[in-house]
N, C-alpha and C. Protein backbone atom coordinates (compact mmCIF):
# COMPACT_ATOMS: atom_id res chain seq x y z
N MET A 1 47.47 -19.32 -16.70
CA MET A 1 47.34 -17.80 -15.83
C MET A 1 47.61 -18.70 -14.56
N ASN A 2 48.10 -18.41 -13.65
CA ASN A 2 48.70 -18.26 -12.08
C ASN A 2 47.62 -17.50 -11.59
N TYR A 3 46.61 -18.36 -10.63
CA TYR A 3 45.54 -17.76 -9.78
C TYR A 3 46.31 -17.70 -8.53
N VAL A 4 47.17 -18.83 -7.63
CA VAL A 4 47.55 -17.83 -6.59
C VAL A 4 49.34 -16.80 -6.46
N LYS A 5 49.23 -16.42 -5.97
CA LYS A 5 49.68 -15.20 -6.06
C LYS A 5 50.55 -15.69 -4.77
N LYS A 6 51.98 -14.85 -5.28
CA LYS A 6 53.52 -15.44 -4.62
C LYS A 6 53.26 -14.39 -2.73
N ASN A 7 52.55 -13.53 -3.46
CA ASN A 7 53.23 -12.29 -2.59
C ASN A 7 51.03 -12.49 -1.39
N HIS A 8 49.74 -13.72 -1.78
CA HIS A 8 48.85 -13.61 -1.17
C HIS A 8 48.28 -12.17 -1.08
N GLU A 9 48.27 -11.56 -1.57
CA GLU A 9 47.61 -10.76 -2.00
C GLU A 9 46.73 -10.04 -3.78
N ILE A 10 45.93 -10.25 -2.97
CA ILE A 10 44.46 -9.65 -4.66
C ILE A 10 44.35 -8.02 -4.60
N GLY A 11 44.48 -7.49 -6.13
CA GLY A 11 43.83 -6.75 -6.12
C GLY A 11 42.65 -6.45 -7.29
N ARG A 12 42.24 -5.44 -6.97
CA ARG A 12 41.09 -5.81 -7.38
C ARG A 12 41.27 -5.92 -8.71
N GLY A 13 39.81 -6.56 -9.28
CA GLY A 13 40.41 -6.33 -11.19
C GLY A 13 41.35 -6.81 -11.04
N ASP A 14 42.36 -7.37 -10.73
CA ASP A 14 42.64 -8.58 -10.87
C ASP A 14 42.24 -9.79 -11.38
N ALA A 15 43.21 -10.95 -12.28
CA ALA A 15 43.03 -11.84 -12.85
C ALA A 15 43.05 -12.99 -11.48
N THR A 16 43.54 -13.13 -9.80
CA THR A 16 43.34 -13.52 -8.91
C THR A 16 41.47 -13.78 -7.96
N TRP A 17 41.50 -11.96 -8.07
CA TRP A 17 40.19 -11.45 -7.71
C TRP A 17 38.89 -11.61 -8.62
N ASN A 18 39.20 -11.41 -10.07
CA ASN A 18 38.39 -12.08 -11.17
C ASN A 18 37.67 -13.32 -10.40
N ALA A 19 39.26 -14.27 -10.31
CA ALA A 19 38.77 -15.62 -10.26
C ALA A 19 38.38 -15.86 -9.15
N ASP A 20 38.17 -16.05 -8.66
CA ASP A 20 37.19 -15.68 -6.73
C ASP A 20 36.43 -15.62 -6.96
N GLN A 21 35.69 -14.29 -7.44
CA GLN A 21 34.92 -13.69 -7.88
C GLN A 21 33.96 -14.81 -8.33
N THR A 22 34.39 -15.85 -9.84
CA THR A 22 33.71 -16.56 -10.73
C THR A 22 33.62 -17.53 -9.52
N ILE A 23 33.81 -17.51 -9.03
CA ILE A 23 34.69 -19.41 -8.19
C ILE A 23 33.01 -18.81 -7.25
N LEU A 24 32.75 -18.28 -6.74
CA LEU A 24 32.44 -17.77 -5.75
C LEU A 24 30.04 -17.81 -6.15
N SER A 25 30.12 -16.12 -7.16
CA SER A 25 29.45 -16.58 -8.01
C SER A 25 28.34 -18.40 -8.63
N GLN A 26 29.92 -19.08 -9.05
CA GLN A 26 29.07 -20.08 -9.44
C GLN A 26 28.89 -21.30 -7.99
N LYS A 27 29.37 -21.25 -7.30
CA LYS A 27 28.50 -21.73 -6.51
C LYS A 27 27.51 -21.77 -5.67
N ILE A 28 26.68 -19.82 -5.58
CA ILE A 28 26.20 -19.43 -5.61
C ILE A 28 24.67 -20.11 -6.67
N GLY A 29 25.35 -20.05 -7.12
CA GLY A 29 24.68 -19.71 -8.45
C GLY A 29 24.09 -21.26 -8.81
N PHE A 30 24.76 -22.33 -7.84
CA PHE A 30 25.11 -24.24 -7.24
C PHE A 30 24.42 -24.09 -6.91
N TYR A 31 23.56 -23.44 -5.73
CA TYR A 31 23.47 -23.40 -4.08
C TYR A 31 21.44 -23.21 -4.94
N LEU A 32 22.04 -21.65 -4.95
CA LEU A 32 20.68 -21.67 -5.53
C LEU A 32 19.15 -22.01 -6.45
N ASN A 33 20.04 -22.16 -7.95
CA ASN A 33 19.61 -23.29 -8.58
C ASN A 33 18.95 -24.04 -9.62
N ILE A 34 20.61 -24.78 -8.49
CA ILE A 34 20.20 -26.51 -9.14
C ILE A 34 19.86 -27.43 -7.12
N LEU A 35 20.10 -26.67 -6.63
CA LEU A 35 19.97 -27.34 -4.72
C LEU A 35 17.99 -26.80 -4.53
N ASN A 36 18.36 -25.67 -4.84
CA ASN A 36 16.98 -23.97 -5.21
C ASN A 36 16.98 -24.39 -3.43
N ARG A 37 17.94 -24.61 -2.95
CA ARG A 37 17.64 -24.13 -1.21
C ARG A 37 17.56 -22.81 -1.03
N THR A 38 17.41 -21.78 -1.36
CA THR A 38 16.73 -20.72 -0.63
C THR A 38 16.46 -19.71 -1.96
N LYS A 39 16.49 -18.26 -0.79
CA LYS A 39 16.30 -17.25 -2.44
C LYS A 39 17.47 -15.77 -2.28
N ILE A 40 17.89 -15.22 -3.46
CA ILE A 40 18.76 -13.45 -2.59
C ILE A 40 17.91 -12.67 -3.11
N PHE A 41 17.21 -11.74 -1.91
CA PHE A 41 17.27 -10.90 -1.98
C PHE A 41 18.12 -9.96 -2.50
N GLN A 42 17.95 -9.23 -3.75
CA GLN A 42 18.20 -8.02 -3.50
C GLN A 42 18.42 -7.05 -3.10
N LYS A 43 18.91 -5.38 -2.62
CA LYS A 43 18.47 -4.41 -1.69
C LYS A 43 18.81 -3.18 -2.53
N PRO A 44 17.98 -2.28 -2.43
CA PRO A 44 19.45 -0.98 -2.36
C PRO A 44 20.68 -1.37 -1.26
N TYR A 45 21.76 0.17 -1.78
CA TYR A 45 23.12 0.21 -0.97
C TYR A 45 22.26 1.27 -0.01
N GLN A 46 23.01 1.29 1.54
CA GLN A 46 21.67 2.00 2.22
C GLN A 46 23.58 2.38 2.87
N GLY A 47 24.81 2.34 2.65
CA GLY A 47 25.55 3.10 3.53
C GLY A 47 26.25 1.91 4.17
N ILE A 48 25.75 1.19 5.24
CA ILE A 48 26.77 0.50 6.13
C ILE A 48 27.42 -0.36 5.88
N ARG A 49 28.04 -0.88 5.65
CA ARG A 49 29.14 -1.39 5.83
C ARG A 49 30.26 -1.86 6.42
N LEU A 50 30.18 -3.00 6.82
CA LEU A 50 31.23 -4.11 8.00
C LEU A 50 32.31 -4.12 6.75
N ASP A 51 33.67 -3.46 8.15
CA ASP A 51 35.08 -3.61 7.24
C ASP A 51 35.84 -4.13 8.27
N ARG A 52 36.97 -4.58 8.06
CA ARG A 52 37.98 -5.28 8.54
C ARG A 52 39.08 -4.70 9.67
N SER A 53 38.51 -3.46 9.07
CA SER A 53 39.28 -2.73 10.57
C SER A 53 38.60 -1.81 11.18
N GLN A 54 37.19 -3.12 11.47
CA GLN A 54 35.98 -1.89 13.18
C GLN A 54 36.50 -3.17 13.76
N SER A 55 36.57 -3.22 15.32
CA SER A 55 37.08 -3.74 15.89
C SER A 55 36.18 -5.11 16.50
N SER A 56 35.71 -5.82 16.76
CA SER A 56 34.81 -7.31 16.91
C SER A 56 33.54 -7.17 17.35
N THR A 57 33.85 -6.25 18.24
CA THR A 57 32.99 -5.69 18.92
C THR A 57 31.49 -4.87 18.41
N THR A 58 32.21 -3.99 17.79
CA THR A 58 32.25 -3.10 15.94
C THR A 58 31.11 -3.42 16.39
N LEU A 59 31.68 -4.60 14.83
CA LEU A 59 30.85 -5.68 13.61
C LEU A 59 29.70 -6.59 14.78
N ILE A 60 30.15 -6.54 15.85
CA ILE A 60 28.64 -7.32 16.14
C ILE A 60 27.67 -6.19 16.77
N ASP A 61 28.12 -4.98 16.49
CA ASP A 61 27.50 -3.78 17.06
C ASP A 61 25.65 -4.19 15.84
N LEU A 62 26.70 -4.22 15.25
CA LEU A 62 25.80 -3.60 13.66
C LEU A 62 24.82 -4.52 13.61
N VAL A 63 25.71 -5.79 13.86
CA VAL A 63 24.90 -7.48 13.10
C VAL A 63 23.47 -6.90 13.93
N GLU A 64 23.84 -7.33 15.32
CA GLU A 64 23.13 -7.59 16.43
C GLU A 64 21.41 -6.38 16.17
N ASN A 65 22.18 -4.57 15.84
CA ASN A 65 21.41 -3.58 15.50
C ASN A 65 21.52 -3.67 14.36
N LYS A 66 21.71 -2.84 13.78
CA LYS A 66 21.03 -3.09 11.89
C LYS A 66 21.35 -4.32 11.03
N PHE A 67 20.93 -5.25 10.68
CA PHE A 67 22.02 -6.26 10.30
C PHE A 67 20.46 -5.05 8.66
N PHE A 68 19.60 -5.60 8.63
CA PHE A 68 18.94 -4.94 7.85
C PHE A 68 18.60 -3.94 7.19
N ASN A 69 19.51 -3.16 7.87
CA ASN A 69 20.49 -2.64 6.76
C ASN A 69 21.96 -2.13 6.27
N LEU A 70 22.29 -3.04 6.84
CA LEU A 70 24.12 -3.33 6.33
C LEU A 70 24.26 -4.54 4.52
N THR A 71 24.61 -3.33 4.17
CA THR A 71 24.82 -4.23 1.92
C THR A 71 26.06 -3.97 2.17
N ASP A 72 27.13 -3.86 3.19
CA ASP A 72 28.00 -4.26 2.09
C ASP A 72 29.43 -4.96 3.51
N TYR A 73 29.34 -5.53 3.14
CA TYR A 73 30.28 -6.73 4.06
C TYR A 73 32.03 -7.57 3.49
N HIS A 74 33.17 -6.69 3.91
CA HIS A 74 34.32 -6.96 4.01
C HIS A 74 35.06 -6.73 5.41
N ALA A 75 34.54 -7.75 6.76
CA ALA A 75 35.35 -7.70 6.99
C ALA A 75 35.82 -8.69 7.75
N LEU A 76 35.86 -9.32 6.97
CA LEU A 76 37.23 -10.92 6.83
C LEU A 76 37.44 -10.90 6.17
N HIS A 77 38.82 -11.95 5.54
CA HIS A 77 39.85 -12.36 5.00
C HIS A 77 40.23 -13.35 5.31
N SER A 78 40.82 -13.17 5.69
CA SER A 78 41.80 -14.61 6.16
C SER A 78 42.35 -15.24 8.02
N ASN A 79 41.64 -13.98 8.35
CA ASN A 79 41.53 -13.70 9.99
C ASN A 79 39.84 -14.88 10.30
N PHE A 80 38.91 -15.10 9.80
CA PHE A 80 37.70 -15.90 10.30
C PHE A 80 37.88 -16.60 11.81
N LEU A 81 39.00 -17.69 12.28
CA LEU A 81 38.71 -17.92 12.92
C LEU A 81 39.04 -17.37 14.10
N ASP A 82 39.72 -15.51 13.94
CA ASP A 82 39.76 -14.91 14.95
C ASP A 82 39.00 -14.04 15.39
N ARG A 83 38.01 -14.21 14.29
CA ARG A 83 36.61 -12.97 14.09
C ARG A 83 35.40 -14.63 13.80
N TRP A 84 35.07 -15.30 15.23
CA TRP A 84 34.27 -16.48 14.76
C TRP A 84 32.53 -16.06 15.59
N ASN A 85 33.48 -15.55 16.55
CA ASN A 85 32.01 -14.58 17.21
C ASN A 85 31.96 -13.23 16.18
N VAL A 86 31.80 -12.68 15.30
CA VAL A 86 31.14 -11.63 14.35
C VAL A 86 30.83 -12.44 13.27
N ILE A 87 31.97 -14.20 12.72
CA ILE A 87 30.73 -14.77 11.72
C ILE A 87 29.62 -15.69 12.36
N TYR A 88 29.51 -15.96 13.68
CA TYR A 88 28.51 -16.66 14.04
C TYR A 88 26.95 -15.27 14.65
N SER A 89 27.65 -14.49 15.12
CA SER A 89 26.62 -13.49 15.21
C SER A 89 25.45 -13.21 14.08
N LEU A 90 26.52 -12.66 13.15
CA LEU A 90 26.30 -12.63 11.38
C LEU A 90 25.33 -13.68 10.31
N LEU A 91 25.86 -15.60 10.99
CA LEU A 91 25.02 -16.55 10.79
C LEU A 91 23.71 -16.92 10.74
N ASP A 92 23.35 -16.64 12.17
CA ASP A 92 22.19 -17.02 13.41
C ASP A 92 21.61 -15.88 12.50
N LYS A 93 21.96 -15.16 12.14
CA LYS A 93 21.16 -13.92 11.65
C LYS A 93 19.81 -14.36 9.75
N MET A 94 21.29 -15.27 9.70
CA MET A 94 21.16 -15.24 8.19
C MET A 94 20.52 -16.47 7.71
N PHE A 95 20.14 -17.14 9.16
CA PHE A 95 19.52 -19.50 8.16
C PHE A 95 19.34 -19.92 10.12
N ASP A 96 18.14 -21.09 9.90
CA ASP A 96 17.66 -20.98 10.14
C ASP A 96 18.96 -22.28 11.55
N ASP A 97 18.48 -23.06 12.88
CA ASP A 97 18.68 -23.12 13.86
C ASP A 97 19.47 -24.44 12.63
N ASN A 98 19.33 -25.19 11.86
CA ASN A 98 20.33 -27.07 11.30
C ASN A 98 20.85 -25.97 10.49
N LEU A 99 21.02 -25.34 9.57
CA LEU A 99 22.56 -24.45 9.64
C LEU A 99 23.23 -24.01 9.62
N GLN A 100 23.08 -23.75 11.73
CA GLN A 100 23.76 -22.87 12.12
C GLN A 100 24.77 -24.00 12.56
N GLU A 101 23.87 -25.30 12.80
CA GLU A 101 24.36 -26.16 13.85
C GLU A 101 25.28 -26.49 12.79
N PHE A 102 25.52 -27.05 11.57
CA PHE A 102 25.64 -27.93 10.27
C PHE A 102 28.03 -26.27 10.32
N PHE A 103 27.18 -25.34 10.46
CA PHE A 103 28.69 -24.22 10.69
C PHE A 103 29.51 -24.19 12.34
N LEU A 104 28.65 -24.45 12.80
CA LEU A 104 29.69 -25.26 14.08
C LEU A 104 30.02 -25.60 13.81
N SER A 105 29.29 -26.82 13.38
CA SER A 105 30.80 -28.23 13.39
C SER A 105 31.34 -28.42 12.88
N TYR A 106 31.36 -27.75 11.28
CA TYR A 106 32.58 -27.24 10.61
C TYR A 106 33.47 -25.92 10.84
N TYR A 107 33.27 -25.40 11.32
CA TYR A 107 34.30 -24.61 12.19
C TYR A 107 34.87 -25.70 13.11
N ASN A 108 34.44 -26.17 13.82
CA ASN A 108 34.95 -27.30 15.23
C ASN A 108 36.24 -27.57 15.09
N GLU A 109 35.74 -28.64 13.67
CA GLU A 109 36.87 -29.33 12.76
C GLU A 109 37.50 -29.03 12.18
N PHE A 110 37.63 -28.04 11.38
CA PHE A 110 38.54 -26.78 11.32
C PHE A 110 39.07 -27.01 11.89
N LYS A 111 39.22 -25.91 13.03
CA LYS A 111 39.76 -25.53 13.98
C LYS A 111 40.67 -26.58 14.53
N ARG A 112 39.88 -27.79 15.05
CA ARG A 112 40.80 -28.67 15.58
C ARG A 112 41.49 -29.86 14.27
N ALA A 113 41.38 -30.17 13.02
CA ALA A 113 42.21 -29.60 11.83
C ALA A 113 44.13 -28.82 11.56
N ILE A 114 43.49 -27.85 11.93
CA ILE A 114 44.79 -26.96 11.94
C ILE A 114 45.52 -26.80 12.91
N GLN A 115 45.37 -27.17 13.82
CA GLN A 115 46.23 -27.04 15.92
C GLN A 115 46.91 -27.42 15.75
């Protein structure tokens, strides 16, 4: 089965989407269970979604002021370089300073590599 699509579009439930979900689930499971680095706390859906159609200003405002109510995050896909300020704000709420430094260095290395 080919998981790389020629048109780069992924439809919910198609083979590419399922492969993506499986890979992410495996990586999260590895991080949680094997590396024993953190715990994931599930919370009920509260109807606040970060969506890629929203402006960066709106997304940062939601992260800064409604972080604990956010339950659905679809703000970024392949445009994460353009929205790094949103991602960094979100990561700042989720991780400690050591991981923040790691994420920032990864971002800077990646950005240099593609320029």
